[in-house]
Amino acid sequence: MTCSRPGHIGELTQVIPPELVDAVLDESGARERRLRSLPSRVGVYFVLALGLFEHLGIGLVWGKLGAGLAARVPQPSEKALRDLRRRVGVAPLKRLFHVLAGPLAQPSTPGVRYRRWRTVAFDGCGSLSVPDHERNQSWLGRTERRYGPAGHPRLMLMTLCETGTPRPVAAVFGPASKGETDYAHDLIGHLTPDMLLLADRAVDSNSLLADIAAQGTQFLLRATSTRRPPVLALLPDGSYLTRIGGLPLRVIEAEIHSRTADGGDFGGTYRLLTMLNDHRTDPADHLVRLCHERWEIGSPTWRSVTPCSKAEFYVGRTWWASTRRCGDCSRLTRPCARSW
């Protein structure tokens, strides 16, 4: 698509308007002080494009950024683009993220609510490699492997996302040597009482559970396999009540197996912890189905390469079936069309 509208820098301006970029530049004091052929506004869009085309060099990314423009586009050197990136700095991008991040979907959007709660999820990724530069090494260090340190410094990214869309609500990152639990603590302040938090293993420490409960947020977390919570009372749906770290919780044990389109099978035993202790209003099979909402959250960080699958799970004495969508099938646009 071509467009000669003033201030239009490729298709990114259809999503993030230039007026918003100018506002965050003014707030962060990063606007240029003299007329330049590469103004700071262009620098912000350029850094965003670098994230979209992470495997390309900066020269090729610049070509993609202005490929659809009808007007003549400057062809700066790679040094000029590096200088532009340094001049813009971190502050405008950080401010832009804070403005844009947050729940987006309407209550009627599929996959974003369970009863009266908005469903959100933690997702961590510790395998993001960054350039082997001395500045990155001093900050991130090197991850120790079995046969020695990793070839490149690694970054841990931890996000809190809205399920269904999936849109980031907040994000933190840092050295991969810190665990997901440490970064999850940094995101707890963004939880609200109208949320139901979904999370996988490694974020079920007693202190983290207590901090989530203190926010007034409900949660449904997968416990680590080493947890053996005491059984205080058995419930008719096969779940049971327990107490962990002073919190009255409910445990749902389910055997979940997923069959992929190519005939593969994977799965195992899931032990879920939740504060939704009433089995009549929140049956075990309803809560287990929410695991699929958590699986879909992996797409923003790593685009799913797993084909669509059909999952079966066993709770108590009843078999249930559900479906899992691939990363290409948006819940906002259409149901999954791939066959099993």
Protein backbone atom coordinates (compact mmCIF):
# COMPACT_ATOMS: atom_id res chain seq x y z
CA MET A 1 0.00 0.00 0.00
CA THR A 2 1.31 3.44 -0.88
CA CYS A 3 0.57 6.55 1.06
CA SER A 4 1.93 10.08 0.87
CA ARG A 5 0.21 11.40 3.97
CA PRO A 6 2.62 13.65 5.91
CA GLY A 7 4.27 11.81 8.74
CA HIS A 8 3.40 8.41 7.30
CA ILE A 9 6.36 6.03 7.74
CA GLY A 10 5.23 2.71 6.35
CA GLU A 11 2.35 0.62 7.65
CA LEU A 12 3.38 0.97 11.29
CA THR A 13 1.69 4.37 11.41
CA GLN A 14 -1.62 2.65 10.76
CA VAL A 15 -1.23 1.00 14.16
CA ILE A 16 0.74 3.61 16.10
CA PRO A 17 -0.19 7.13 14.90
CA PRO A 18 2.57 9.75 14.53
CA GLU A 19 0.80 12.02 17.00
CA LEU A 20 1.28 9.42 19.74
CA VAL A 21 4.95 9.00 18.87
CA ASP A 22 5.46 12.78 18.97
CA ALA A 23 3.79 12.92 22.38
CA VAL A 24 6.05 10.28 23.94
CA LEU A 25 9.10 11.96 22.41
CA ASP A 26 8.11 15.26 24.01
CA GLU A 27 7.43 13.63 27.37
CA SER A 28 10.79 11.85 27.38
CA GLY A 29 12.76 14.84 26.05
CA ALA A 30 14.05 12.88 23.06
CA ARG A 31 12.84 15.11 20.22
CA GLU A 32 15.55 16.49 17.95
CA ARG A 33 16.64 20.10 18.55
CA ARG A 34 17.47 20.91 14.93
CA LEU A 35 16.12 19.95 11.52
CA ARG A 36 17.37 16.50 10.55
CA SER A 37 16.85 14.19 7.61
CA LEU A 38 16.31 11.39 10.16
CA PRO A 39 14.08 12.89 12.88
CA SER A 40 13.43 11.15 16.19
CA ARG A 41 9.92 10.14 15.08
CA VAL A 42 11.47 8.08 12.30
CA GLY A 43 13.88 6.60 14.83
CA VAL A 44 11.03 5.27 16.97
CA TYR A 45 9.39 3.54 14.00
CA PHE A 46 12.79 2.21 12.92
CA VAL A 47 13.41 0.59 16.32
CA LEU A 48 9.93 -0.96 16.20
CA ALA A 49 10.71 -2.34 12.74
CA LEU A 50 13.94 -3.85 14.08
CA GLY A 51 11.79 -5.91 16.43
CA LEU A 52 9.57 -7.09 13.59
CA PHE A 53 12.49 -8.10 11.35
CA GLU A 54 14.93 -9.33 13.96
CA HIS A 55 16.87 -11.57 11.59
CA LEU A 56 17.70 -8.80 9.09
CA GLY A 57 20.47 -6.23 9.16
CA ILE A 58 19.61 -2.63 9.87
CA GLY A 59 20.00 -1.61 6.22
CA LEU A 60 17.47 -4.18 5.04
CA VAL A 61 15.08 -3.24 7.84
CA TRP A 62 15.24 0.39 6.75
CA GLY A 63 14.33 -0.68 3.23
CA LYS A 64 11.27 -2.56 4.48
CA LEU A 65 10.19 0.36 6.66
CA GLY A 66 9.74 2.69 3.70
CA ALA A 67 9.06 0.16 0.95
CA GLY A 68 5.42 1.21 0.55
CA LEU A 69 5.99 4.96 0.41
CA ALA A 70 5.35 6.87 -2.79
CA ALA A 71 7.68 9.71 -1.81
CA ARG A 72 11.47 9.58 -2.07
CA VAL A 73 13.03 8.02 1.01
CA PRO A 74 16.57 8.89 2.21
CA GLN A 75 19.10 6.07 2.04
CA PRO A 76 21.24 6.59 5.15
CA SER A 77 24.36 4.62 5.92
CA GLU A 78 24.38 1.94 8.61
CA LYS A 79 26.40 4.28 10.83
CA ALA A 80 23.71 6.96 10.48
CA LEU A 81 21.05 4.42 11.46
CA ARG A 82 23.07 3.32 14.50
CA ASP A 83 23.47 6.96 15.54
CA LEU A 84 19.72 7.49 15.10
CA ARG A 85 19.01 4.51 17.33
CA ARG A 86 21.35 5.81 20.05
CA ARG A 87 19.92 9.33 19.82
CA VAL A 88 16.36 8.11 20.36
CA GLY A 89 17.39 6.05 23.39
CA VAL A 90 15.29 3.85 25.63
CA ALA A 91 12.90 6.31 27.28
CA PRO A 92 10.48 6.94 24.34
CA LEU A 93 10.07 3.21 23.64
CA LYS A 94 9.47 2.46 27.31
CA ARG A 95 6.88 5.22 27.54
CA LEU A 96 5.21 4.05 24.33
CA PHE A 97 4.88 0.53 25.72
CA HIS A 98 3.30 1.84 28.94
CA VAL A 99 0.77 3.82 26.90
CA LEU A 100 -0.21 0.94 24.61
CA ALA A 101 -0.02 -2.01 27.01
CA GLY A 102 -3.11 -3.14 28.86
CA PRO A 103 -6.28 -5.20 28.38
CA LEU A 104 -7.95 -4.53 25.05
CA ALA A 105 -10.79 -6.97 24.45
CA GLN A 106 -14.46 -6.38 25.11
CA PRO A 107 -16.17 -8.70 27.62
CA SER A 108 -17.91 -10.49 24.74
CA THR A 109 -14.62 -11.41 23.02
CA PRO A 110 -14.11 -15.21 23.10
CA GLY A 111 -11.38 -16.44 25.39
CA VAL A 112 -10.88 -13.30 27.50
CA ARG A 113 -13.18 -14.01 30.46
CA TYR A 114 -14.16 -16.76 32.81
CA ARG A 115 -17.38 -15.90 34.62
CA ARG A 116 -16.85 -12.39 36.05
CA TRP A 117 -13.05 -12.41 35.81
CA ARG A 118 -10.79 -11.28 33.00
CA THR A 119 -8.32 -14.09 32.32
CA VAL A 120 -4.64 -13.17 32.13
CA ALA A 121 -1.53 -15.31 32.05
CA PHE A 122 2.16 -15.26 32.89
CA ASP A 123 4.51 -16.33 30.13
CA GLY A 124 8.30 -16.49 30.40
CA CYS A 125 10.96 -17.08 27.76
CA GLY A 126 14.59 -17.52 28.79
CA SER A 127 16.10 -18.51 25.44
CA LEU A 128 16.38 -15.10 23.76
CA SER A 129 19.96 -14.64 22.57
CA VAL A 130 21.44 -11.14 22.31
CA PRO A 131 24.61 -9.95 20.51
CA ASP A 132 27.88 -11.01 22.11
CA HIS A 133 28.90 -7.46 23.06
CA GLU A 134 30.85 -6.49 26.15
CA ARG A 135 27.97 -4.31 27.39
CA ASN A 136 25.56 -7.21 27.13
CA GLN A 137 28.06 -9.52 28.81
CA SER A 138 28.53 -7.16 31.77
CA TRP A 139 24.77 -6.91 32.29
CA LEU A 140 23.48 -10.36 31.37
CA GLY A 141 26.55 -12.52 31.88
CA ARG A 142 26.72 -15.94 30.26
CA THR A 143 24.40 -18.81 31.02
CA GLU A 144 26.30 -21.84 32.24
CA ARG A 145 25.52 -25.05 30.38
CA ARG A 146 26.52 -28.62 31.05
CA TYR A 147 29.59 -28.37 28.82
CA GLY A 148 30.45 -24.73 29.51
CA PRO A 149 29.01 -21.23 29.07
CA ALA A 150 26.52 -20.46 26.29
CA GLY A 151 27.83 -18.87 23.11
CA HIS A 152 25.79 -15.69 23.50
CA PRO A 153 24.34 -13.83 26.49
CA ARG A 154 20.70 -14.76 27.06
CA LEU A 155 17.77 -12.59 28.04
CA MET A 156 14.79 -13.63 30.14
CA LEU A 157 11.50 -12.03 29.10
CA MET A 158 8.48 -12.34 31.39
CA THR A 159 5.09 -11.01 30.33
CA LEU A 160 1.62 -10.67 31.78
CA CYS A 161 -0.81 -11.05 28.87
CA GLU A 162 -4.53 -10.91 28.34
CA THR A 163 -5.75 -14.27 27.05
CA GLY A 164 -7.73 -14.43 23.85
CA THR A 165 -6.24 -11.38 22.17
CA PRO A 166 -3.33 -11.97 23.38
CA ARG A 167 -2.21 -8.46 24.40
CA PRO A 168 0.60 -7.65 26.85
CA VAL A 169 -0.47 -5.97 30.07
CA ALA A 170 3.07 -5.63 31.44
CA ALA A 171 6.54 -7.02 30.80
CA VAL A 172 9.91 -7.25 32.52
CA PHE A 173 13.23 -8.61 31.31
CA GLY A 174 16.78 -9.13 32.50
CA PRO A 175 19.46 -11.77 32.99
CA ALA A 176 18.37 -15.34 32.34
CA SER A 177 20.21 -16.38 35.50
CA LYS A 178 17.20 -15.12 37.47
CA GLY A 179 14.25 -17.47 37.56
CA GLU A 180 10.71 -16.92 36.35
CA THR A 181 9.52 -16.63 39.94
CA ASP A 182 11.70 -13.56 40.52
CA TYR A 183 10.36 -11.82 37.43
CA ALA A 184 6.79 -12.83 38.24
CA HIS A 185 7.13 -10.97 41.55
CA ASP A 186 7.90 -7.82 39.54
CA LEU A 187 4.61 -8.16 37.62
CA ILE A 188 2.31 -8.75 40.58
CA GLY A 189 1.63 -5.04 40.99
CA HIS A 190 -0.24 -5.09 37.66
CA LEU A 191 -2.78 -7.66 38.87
CA THR A 192 -6.25 -6.44 39.89
CA PRO A 193 -9.19 -8.04 41.74
CA ASP A 194 -11.15 -8.50 38.49
CA MET A 195 -8.51 -10.85 37.05
CA LEU A 196 -8.05 -14.62 37.02
CA LEU A 197 -4.36 -15.46 36.60
CA LEU A 198 -3.31 -18.56 34.64
CA ALA A 199 0.28 -19.77 34.88
CA ASP A 200 2.40 -22.81 34.24
CA ARG A 201 4.93 -24.44 36.56
CA ALA A 202 7.80 -22.55 38.29
CA VAL A 203 5.58 -19.72 39.58
CA ASP A 204 3.87 -21.62 42.40
CA SER A 205 6.14 -20.67 45.31
CA ASN A 206 4.38 -20.03 48.63
CA SER A 207 5.46 -16.39 48.75
CA LEU A 208 4.26 -15.75 45.21
CA LEU A 209 0.89 -17.36 45.89
CA ALA A 210 0.49 -15.19 48.99
CA ASP A 211 1.39 -12.02 47.08
CA ILE A 212 -1.09 -12.83 44.29
CA ALA A 213 -3.83 -13.46 46.85
CA ALA A 214 -2.97 -10.16 48.57
CA GLN A 215 -3.79 -8.36 45.29
CA GLY A 216 -7.30 -9.82 45.43
CA THR A 217 -6.61 -11.75 42.20
CA GLN A 218 -7.94 -15.26 41.65
CA PHE A 219 -5.49 -17.76 40.20
CA LEU A 220 -5.31 -21.14 38.48
CA LEU A 221 -1.69 -22.32 38.46
CA ARG A 222 -0.03 -25.54 37.48
CA ALA A 223 1.99 -26.84 40.44
CA THR A 224 5.42 -28.38 40.11
CA SER A 225 5.60 -32.17 40.20
CA THR A 226 7.38 -32.12 43.56
CA ARG A 227 4.40 -30.61 45.38
CA ARG A 228 2.36 -33.08 47.42
CA PRO A 229 -0.31 -30.96 49.11
CA PRO A 230 -2.25 -32.63 51.94
CA VAL A 231 -5.80 -33.76 51.22
CA LEU A 232 -8.15 -32.04 53.67
CA ALA A 233 -11.48 -32.82 51.98
CA LEU A 234 -12.50 -34.70 48.85
CA LEU A 235 -15.00 -33.04 46.52
CA PRO A 236 -17.57 -34.78 44.25
CA ASP A 237 -15.85 -33.70 41.01
CA GLY A 238 -12.57 -35.44 41.92
CA SER A 239 -10.76 -32.35 43.21
CA TYR A 240 -9.85 -31.80 46.86
CA LEU A 241 -9.26 -28.99 49.34
CA THR A 242 -5.88 -28.27 50.87
CA ARG A 243 -3.90 -25.51 52.57
CA ILE A 244 -0.59 -24.14 51.29
CA GLY A 245 1.30 -21.40 53.07
CA GLY A 246 -1.79 -20.50 55.08
CA LEU A 247 -3.99 -20.18 51.97
CA PRO A 248 -7.09 -22.40 51.62
CA LEU A 249 -6.79 -23.82 48.11
CA ARG A 250 -8.34 -26.41 45.88
CA VAL A 251 -6.31 -28.97 43.93
CA ILE A 252 -7.40 -30.44 40.60
CA GLU A 253 -5.40 -33.38 39.28
CA ALA A 254 -5.95 -34.09 35.61
CA GLU A 255 -4.34 -36.35 33.04
CA ILE A 256 -4.11 -34.30 29.85
CA HIS A 257 -3.06 -35.74 26.49
CA SER A 258 -3.00 -33.83 23.21
CA ARG A 259 -3.00 -35.41 19.76
CA THR A 260 -1.46 -33.29 17.01
CA ALA A 261 -2.39 -33.18 13.36
CA ASP A 262 0.56 -35.37 12.39
CA GLY A 263 -0.50 -38.13 14.80
CA GLY A 264 1.83 -37.23 17.67
CA ASP A 265 0.77 -37.47 21.28
CA PHE A 266 2.06 -35.54 24.27
CA GLY A 267 0.84 -34.69 27.73
CA GLY A 268 0.99 -35.83 31.32
CA THR A 269 -0.39 -35.25 34.78
CA TYR A 270 -1.39 -31.71 35.65
CA ARG A 271 -1.83 -30.67 39.27
CA LEU A 272 -3.67 -27.33 39.32
CA LEU A 273 -3.92 -24.98 42.31
CA THR A 274 -6.77 -22.50 42.56
CA MET A 275 -8.55 -20.24 45.01
CA LEU A 276 -11.90 -21.09 43.37
CA ASN A 277 -12.85 -23.62 46.03
CA ASP A 278 -16.55 -24.13 45.25
CA HIS A 279 -16.92 -27.15 42.95
CA ARG A 280 -20.56 -26.25 42.23
CA THR A 281 -19.88 -22.85 40.67
CA ASP A 282 -16.46 -23.82 39.26
CA PRO A 283 -16.49 -27.50 38.20
CA ALA A 284 -13.11 -29.11 37.70
CA ASP A 285 -13.62 -29.73 33.97
CA HIS A 286 -14.40 -26.04 33.38
CA LEU A 287 -11.17 -25.00 35.06
CA VAL A 288 -9.07 -27.59 33.25
CA ARG A 289 -10.31 -26.23 29.92
CA LEU A 290 -8.75 -22.91 30.86
CA CYS A 291 -5.33 -24.56 30.43
CA HIS A 292 -5.81 -24.13 26.69
CA GLU A 293 -6.13 -20.38 27.12
CA ARG A 294 -2.75 -20.47 28.87
CA TRP A 295 -1.19 -22.52 26.04
CA GLU A 296 -2.20 -19.93 23.45
CA ILE A 297 -0.31 -17.19 25.30
CA GLY A 298 3.00 -18.62 24.11
CA SER A 299 2.31 -17.22 20.63
CA PRO A 300 3.33 -13.57 21.28
CA THR A 301 6.81 -14.59 22.44
CA TRP A 302 7.38 -17.61 20.20
CA ARG A 303 5.00 -18.13 17.28
CA SER A 304 3.50 -21.55 17.74
CA VAL A 305 4.86 -24.24 15.44
CA THR A 306 2.68 -26.97 16.92
CA PRO A 307 -0.17 -27.96 14.58
CA CYS A 308 -3.71 -27.68 15.86
CA SER A 309 -4.52 -30.53 18.16
CA LYS A 310 -7.31 -32.22 20.02
CA ALA A 311 -6.80 -32.74 23.73
CA GLU A 312 -8.42 -35.20 26.09
CA PHE A 313 -8.17 -34.99 29.85
CA TYR A 314 -9.28 -37.12 32.75
CA VAL A 315 -10.62 -35.57 35.96
CA GLY A 316 -11.94 -37.86 38.64
CA ARG A 317 -13.91 -40.50 36.68
CA THR A 318 -14.88 -38.49 33.62
CA TRP A 319 -13.16 -38.01 30.27
CA TRP A 320 -13.38 -34.56 28.67
CA ALA A 321 -12.29 -33.33 25.25
CA SER A 322 -11.19 -29.89 24.17
CA THR A 323 -9.32 -28.24 21.31
CA ARG A 324 -6.10 -26.31 21.03
CA ARG A 325 -5.55 -23.74 18.31
CA CYS A 326 -2.37 -23.03 16.45
CA GLY A 327 -0.68 -19.63 16.48
CA ASP A 328 -2.11 -18.80 13.04
CA CYS A 329 -5.74 -19.07 14.17
CA SER A 330 -6.82 -15.86 15.86
CA ARG A 331 -9.75 -16.09 18.26
CA LEU A 332 -10.71 -12.59 17.17
CA THR A 333 -11.08 -13.47 13.49
CA ARG A 334 -12.21 -17.03 12.87
CA PRO A 335 -12.34 -20.51 14.38
CA CYS A 336 -9.52 -22.90 13.64
CA ALA A 337 -9.99 -24.35 10.17
CA ARG A 338 -7.27 -27.00 10.17
CA SER A 339 -8.34 -30.63 10.31
CA TRP A 340 -7.05 -33.24 12.74
